[in-house]
Amino acid sequence: MGNKLPTLIEPESLEILVGEADFDKKYRIIEVHFGTDTRPEYEASHIKNAQFFDTYSCFEPTKLFPRNWPEPEKLAEYLSNLGISNKHNVIIYDRSEFGFSFSARVWLHLRAFGNERVSILNGGLNAWKKKNFKLTDEVKTFPKADFRIKENKNLVKNYDDIVKCLENKTTQLIDVRPIEEYNKGHPILGHSYLPGAKNFPFSDLFDSKTGKIRDRVEIIELFKKAEIDLNAPVIFYCNTSMSASIVTFSAFIIGHEKIPVYRGSWVEYSQRKIQEIENQSR
C-alpha cells in the first residue's frame, strides 16, 4: 500500500504523512509498550492515529525467555485486530530516551513474521515533542485486517545455532551490553559473555545531543573501529535480545539487512550452561 517508507523516518516526515487525507489506506502507527501499566500515558497523549501495542500480548514470558519471541498465531491475530496487514507501511515509536528500546524489537518481529514495510521514528516520542508537533488523546481504531505469517527464520538464532557457531568458530558473536556487564564475571561460568564474543555497547549508537541514533557515516565508523566485519557471518546478542535488535537495526540502515539476533541471548545461554554443569556433576 503506497511506496515503501525509509526504514528510519524523521519526525518532520511523519508529521507530513499524518496530515495526508488517505493516510489510513497506506499507513499504521504503533506506540510500543511492554505491558499495559503504561497505557494511561498513551491514552492521555500520543501521535495522531497511533495505536497502543502491548508486546506482552503476543508471547508468554518464561524463565529462559523473560522477553520472549512472539507466538506467530498470537502476533497475527493481534496485528489483524489492530487493522494491520502485511501490506501496510507500519511506523513504530516508543517513549524511551532515544526511541529504540522497545521499537527495534517490534521492528524485527514484524520483519521476521511477514512485513518488511516497517519504519522506526528517529528519536521516538521525545523527538516528536521537541519539534512541538501535535499530540492527541483520541484513541483511533481501524477495521480488522488480515496479517498473514510469512516467517523469516534467518533473522533469529537459537541456542543450538550458537553452540554450532562456538564449535565452528566461523561467526562473529557480538555482545552489545554495557562493558560493565560484559566484564563483571560469573560465579559459576567464570566469564559473563559467550566464549570469544566481542563487546560493542549498543549505547554508542546514540547521540545524546540530538536524542537520536547516529548518522550513517558515524555508525559505519563505529563498527569499523570495533573491528566488526558486517560482510562476514555475525550474530548480535545482549541479555534478552532487546538491545541486540537495536544494533541489528543500525546495521540494516547502513546496508546490512540480514544480520540476526540470538533470541535467548545471555539469559538463556547462561542458564543452559549452568544446567549442563550441574547435570555433569551428578
Protein backbone atom coordinates (compact mmCIF):
# COMPACT_ATOMS: atom_id res chain seq x y z
CA MET A 1 0.00 0.00 0.00
CA GLY A 2 1.80 3.09 -1.22
CA ASN A 3 5.54 3.45 -1.61
CA LYS A 4 7.75 1.86 0.99
CA LEU A 5 8.92 4.38 3.57
CA PRO A 6 12.54 4.82 4.72
CA THR A 7 13.42 2.37 7.49
CA LEU A 8 14.42 5.33 9.66
CA ILE A 9 11.85 8.10 9.49
CA GLU A 10 12.34 11.60 10.85
CA PRO A 11 9.67 13.47 12.85
CA GLU A 12 9.32 16.08 10.11
CA SER A 13 8.49 13.40 7.53
CA LEU A 14 5.99 11.66 9.78
CA GLU A 15 4.29 14.95 10.60
CA ILE A 16 3.64 15.46 6.89
CA LEU A 17 2.39 11.87 6.47
CA VAL A 18 -0.19 12.02 9.25
CA GLY A 19 -1.71 15.03 7.55
CA GLU A 20 -2.37 13.19 4.29
CA ALA A 21 -6.04 12.62 3.50
CA ASP A 22 -5.52 8.97 2.55
CA PHE A 23 -3.19 8.15 5.47
CA ASP A 24 -5.45 5.37 6.78
CA LYS A 25 -5.27 3.47 3.50
CA LYS A 26 -1.49 3.17 3.43
CA TYR A 27 -0.12 3.51 6.93
CA ARG A 28 -0.39 2.40 10.53
CA ILE A 29 1.39 3.84 13.55
CA ILE A 30 2.01 1.87 16.72
CA GLU A 31 3.30 3.06 20.08
CA VAL A 32 5.15 0.13 21.61
CA HIS A 33 4.93 -0.86 25.28
CA PHE A 34 5.83 -3.94 27.30
CA GLY A 35 2.70 -4.48 29.38
CA THR A 36 -0.40 -2.38 29.92
CA ASP A 37 0.66 -0.43 33.03
CA THR A 38 1.74 2.46 30.83
CA ARG A 39 -1.45 2.57 28.76
CA PRO A 40 -2.75 5.65 30.64
CA GLU A 41 0.27 7.60 29.34
CA TYR A 42 -0.63 6.62 25.79
CA GLU A 43 -4.31 7.45 26.23
CA ALA A 44 -3.51 10.88 27.63
CA SER A 45 -1.18 11.91 24.83
CA HIS A 46 0.12 10.23 21.65
CA ILE A 47 0.82 10.85 17.97
CA LYS A 48 -2.29 11.11 15.81
CA ASN A 49 -3.52 7.71 14.52
CA ALA A 50 -1.09 5.81 16.78
CA GLN A 51 -2.36 2.60 18.35
CA PHE A 52 -1.25 1.10 21.64
CA PHE A 53 0.86 -2.02 21.05
CA ASP A 54 1.44 -4.30 24.04
CA THR A 55 4.21 -6.71 23.14
CA TYR A 56 3.31 -8.97 26.08
CA SER A 57 0.02 -9.74 24.33
CA CYS A 58 1.95 -11.79 21.77
CA PHE A 59 4.02 -14.11 23.98
CA GLU A 60 4.29 -15.90 27.31
CA PRO A 61 7.33 -14.97 29.43
CA THR A 62 9.40 -17.90 30.70
CA LYS A 63 12.49 -18.24 32.86
CA LEU A 64 14.70 -18.74 29.81
CA PHE A 65 12.87 -16.13 27.75
CA PRO A 66 11.53 -13.35 30.02
CA ARG A 67 11.00 -11.19 26.93
CA ASN A 68 10.12 -13.96 24.59
CA TRP A 69 9.84 -14.13 20.82
CA PRO A 70 6.17 -13.76 19.79
CA GLU A 71 3.98 -16.76 19.12
CA PRO A 72 3.13 -16.47 15.39
CA GLU A 73 -0.60 -17.06 15.73
CA LYS A 74 -0.93 -14.58 18.59
CA LEU A 75 1.04 -11.94 16.71
CA ALA A 76 -1.03 -12.39 13.55
CA GLU A 77 -4.30 -12.12 15.48
CA TYR A 78 -3.12 -9.10 17.45
CA LEU A 79 -1.94 -7.22 14.37
CA SER A 80 -5.07 -8.13 12.42
CA ASN A 81 -7.27 -6.81 15.23
CA LEU A 82 -5.35 -3.54 15.15
CA GLY A 83 -6.11 -3.27 11.45
CA ILE A 84 -2.57 -4.03 10.33
CA SER A 85 -1.89 -6.20 7.28
CA ASN A 86 1.31 -7.30 5.55
CA LYS A 87 0.79 -4.52 3.01
CA HIS A 88 0.60 -1.56 5.38
CA ASN A 89 3.57 0.69 5.98
CA VAL A 90 3.99 0.44 9.74
CA ILE A 91 5.66 3.27 11.67
CA ILE A 92 6.85 2.37 15.16
CA TYR A 93 7.81 4.58 18.06
CA ASP A 94 8.22 4.36 21.82
CA ARG A 95 8.77 6.65 24.81
CA SER A 96 12.33 5.65 25.68
CA GLU A 97 15.19 8.17 25.74
CA PHE A 98 16.21 7.71 22.09
CA GLY A 99 13.08 5.95 20.85
CA PHE A 100 14.53 2.49 20.16
CA SER A 101 14.41 0.46 23.39
CA PHE A 102 11.13 -1.26 22.51
CA SER A 103 10.67 -0.17 18.88
CA ALA A 104 13.65 -2.03 17.47
CA ARG A 105 12.45 -5.34 18.87
CA VAL A 106 8.97 -4.98 17.34
CA TRP A 107 10.54 -3.78 14.07
CA LEU A 108 12.43 -7.07 13.99
CA HIS A 109 9.32 -9.07 14.92
CA LEU A 110 7.33 -7.65 12.04
CA ARG A 111 10.13 -8.30 9.58
CA ALA A 112 10.59 -11.84 10.87
CA PHE A 113 6.91 -12.64 10.51
CA GLY A 114 5.87 -11.12 7.23
CA ASN A 115 6.08 -7.34 6.83
CA GLU A 116 9.22 -5.63 5.53
CA ARG A 117 7.45 -2.28 5.24
CA VAL A 118 8.42 -1.17 8.73
CA SER A 119 9.96 2.09 9.92
CA ILE A 120 11.10 3.48 13.26
CA LEU A 121 10.60 7.12 14.24
CA ASN A 122 14.08 8.51 14.90
CA GLY A 123 14.20 9.75 18.49
CA GLY A 124 10.77 8.38 19.30
CA LEU A 125 8.12 10.44 21.06
CA ASN A 126 10.77 12.67 22.65
CA ALA A 127 11.98 13.85 19.24
CA TRP A 128 8.38 14.47 18.17
CA LYS A 129 7.79 16.61 21.27
CA LYS A 130 10.99 18.59 20.72
CA LYS A 131 9.55 19.71 17.39
CA ASN A 132 6.34 20.77 19.17
CA PHE A 133 4.31 18.61 16.83
CA LYS A 134 0.72 17.93 17.81
CA LEU A 135 -0.36 15.15 20.15
CA THR A 136 -3.84 13.84 20.76
CA ASP A 137 -5.85 11.88 23.30
CA GLU A 138 -8.12 10.43 20.59
CA VAL A 139 -7.80 6.64 20.52
CA LYS A 140 -8.44 5.65 16.94
CA THR A 141 -9.44 2.19 15.79
CA PHE A 142 -9.29 0.62 12.34
CA PRO A 143 -11.26 -2.16 10.64
CA LYS A 144 -9.87 -5.63 11.18
CA ALA A 145 -7.22 -6.57 8.62
CA ASP A 146 -5.57 -9.83 7.59
CA PHE A 147 -1.98 -10.20 8.73
CA ARG A 148 -0.56 -13.48 7.47
CA ILE A 149 2.55 -15.06 8.92
CA LYS A 150 5.41 -15.42 6.45
CA GLU A 151 8.23 -16.44 8.73
CA ASN A 152 11.83 -15.47 8.02
CA LYS A 153 13.84 -17.72 10.34
CA ASN A 154 17.13 -16.25 9.15
CA LEU A 155 16.63 -13.19 11.35
CA VAL A 156 16.75 -15.06 14.66
CA LYS A 157 19.11 -17.69 16.07
CA ASN A 158 18.53 -20.18 18.88
CA TYR A 159 20.76 -21.94 21.42
CA ASP A 160 21.65 -24.81 19.08
CA ASP A 161 22.75 -22.32 16.45
CA ILE A 162 25.06 -20.66 18.97
CA VAL A 163 26.55 -24.00 20.03
CA LYS A 164 27.36 -24.72 16.39
CA CYS A 165 28.92 -21.27 15.99
CA LEU A 166 31.12 -21.87 19.02
CA GLU A 167 32.22 -25.22 17.63
CA ASN A 168 32.93 -23.95 14.13
CA LYS A 169 34.34 -20.58 15.17
CA THR A 170 33.32 -19.05 11.84
CA THR A 171 30.80 -16.50 13.13
CA GLN A 172 31.44 -13.24 14.97
CA LEU A 173 29.46 -13.14 18.21
CA ILE A 174 28.85 -9.58 19.33
CA ASP A 175 27.77 -8.77 22.88
CA VAL A 176 26.04 -5.40 22.78
CA ARG A 177 25.55 -4.91 26.52
CA PRO A 178 27.37 -2.22 28.51
CA ILE A 179 31.04 -3.01 29.06
CA GLU A 180 30.38 -3.37 32.81
CA GLU A 181 28.01 -6.28 32.22
CA TYR A 182 30.35 -7.84 29.70
CA ASN A 183 33.28 -7.74 32.14
CA LYS A 184 31.61 -8.40 35.50
CA GLY A 185 32.24 -12.16 35.52
CA HIS A 186 30.00 -15.03 36.62
CA PRO A 187 30.29 -17.08 39.85
CA ILE A 188 29.83 -20.40 38.04
CA LEU A 189 30.75 -19.82 34.41
CA GLY A 190 33.67 -17.53 35.14
CA HIS A 191 33.12 -15.18 32.22
CA SER A 192 29.90 -13.23 31.72
CA TYR A 193 29.75 -13.42 27.94
CA LEU A 194 29.66 -16.04 25.20
CA PRO A 195 33.11 -17.56 24.60
CA GLY A 196 35.05 -15.43 22.12
CA ALA A 197 32.37 -12.74 21.96
CA LYS A 198 33.43 -9.16 21.30
CA ASN A 199 31.83 -6.23 23.12
CA PHE A 200 30.05 -3.46 21.20
CA PRO A 201 27.92 -1.36 23.61
CA PHE A 202 24.63 -0.51 21.90
CA SER A 203 24.50 2.87 23.66
CA ASP A 204 27.41 4.07 21.49
CA LEU A 205 24.96 4.21 18.60
CA PHE A 206 23.09 7.17 20.09
CA ASP A 207 23.88 10.87 20.08
CA SER A 208 22.90 12.45 23.39
CA LYS A 209 22.97 15.92 21.82
CA THR A 210 20.33 15.13 19.19
CA GLY A 211 18.46 12.45 21.14
CA LYS A 212 18.58 10.25 18.05
CA ILE A 213 20.55 7.41 16.50
CA ARG A 214 23.84 8.48 14.95
CA ASP A 215 24.07 9.13 11.22
CA ARG A 216 25.13 6.56 8.67
CA VAL A 217 28.78 7.67 8.46
CA GLU A 218 29.19 7.57 12.24
CA ILE A 219 27.61 4.12 12.52
CA ILE A 220 29.90 2.72 9.83
CA GLU A 221 32.89 4.16 11.67
CA LEU A 222 31.76 2.63 14.99
CA PHE A 223 31.63 -0.87 13.51
CA LYS A 224 34.95 -0.31 11.76
CA LYS A 225 36.60 0.89 14.97
CA ALA A 226 35.28 -2.17 16.82
CA GLU A 227 36.73 -4.38 14.07
CA ILE A 228 33.36 -5.95 13.30
CA ASP A 229 33.08 -7.18 9.73
CA LEU A 230 29.43 -6.89 8.75
CA ASN A 231 30.15 -8.61 5.43
CA ALA A 232 31.11 -11.80 7.30
CA PRO A 233 28.82 -14.01 9.45
CA VAL A 234 27.81 -12.16 12.62
CA ILE A 235 25.18 -12.54 15.37
CA PHE A 236 24.23 -9.86 17.90
CA TYR A 237 23.10 -10.67 21.44
CA CYS A 238 22.52 -8.99 24.80
CA ASN A 239 20.51 -10.26 27.79
CA THR A 240 17.15 -10.93 26.11
CA SER A 241 17.76 -9.74 22.51
CA MET A 242 16.14 -6.34 23.12
CA SER A 243 19.28 -4.22 22.77
CA ALA A 244 20.62 -6.62 20.13
CA SER A 245 17.65 -5.65 17.96
CA ILE A 246 18.80 -2.02 18.10
CA VAL A 247 22.23 -2.97 16.77
CA THR A 248 20.65 -5.10 14.05
CA PHE A 249 18.57 -2.08 13.09
CA SER A 250 21.68 0.10 12.91
CA ALA A 251 23.37 -2.45 10.66
CA PHE A 252 20.25 -2.55 8.47
CA ILE A 253 20.24 1.19 7.81
CA ILE A 254 23.86 1.09 6.62
CA GLY A 255 23.11 -1.68 4.13
CA HIS A 256 23.43 -4.95 6.06
CA GLU A 257 19.85 -6.19 6.11
CA LYS A 258 20.13 -9.86 7.09
CA ILE A 259 22.05 -9.87 10.38
CA PRO A 260 20.28 -11.97 13.04
CA VAL A 261 19.97 -11.74 16.80
CA TYR A 262 20.33 -14.58 19.28
CA ARG A 263 16.80 -14.82 20.63
CA GLY A 264 17.60 -16.12 24.12
CA SER A 265 20.86 -14.19 24.45
CA TRP A 266 22.84 -14.31 27.70
CA VAL A 267 19.84 -15.08 29.92
CA GLU A 268 19.13 -18.33 28.11
CA TYR A 269 22.73 -19.28 27.37
CA SER A 270 23.97 -18.85 30.96
CA GLN A 271 21.09 -20.87 32.41
CA ARG A 272 21.56 -23.69 29.94
CA LYS A 273 25.32 -23.84 30.58
CA ILE A 274 24.78 -23.89 34.35
CA GLN A 275 22.27 -26.73 33.95
CA GLU A 276 24.77 -28.67 31.82
CA ILE A 277 27.43 -28.25 34.51
CA GLU A 278 25.06 -29.40 37.24
CA ASN A 279 24.00 -32.43 35.20
CA GLN A 280 27.63 -33.42 34.63
CA SER A 281 28.42 -33.23 38.34
CA ARG A 282 25.65 -35.64 39.35
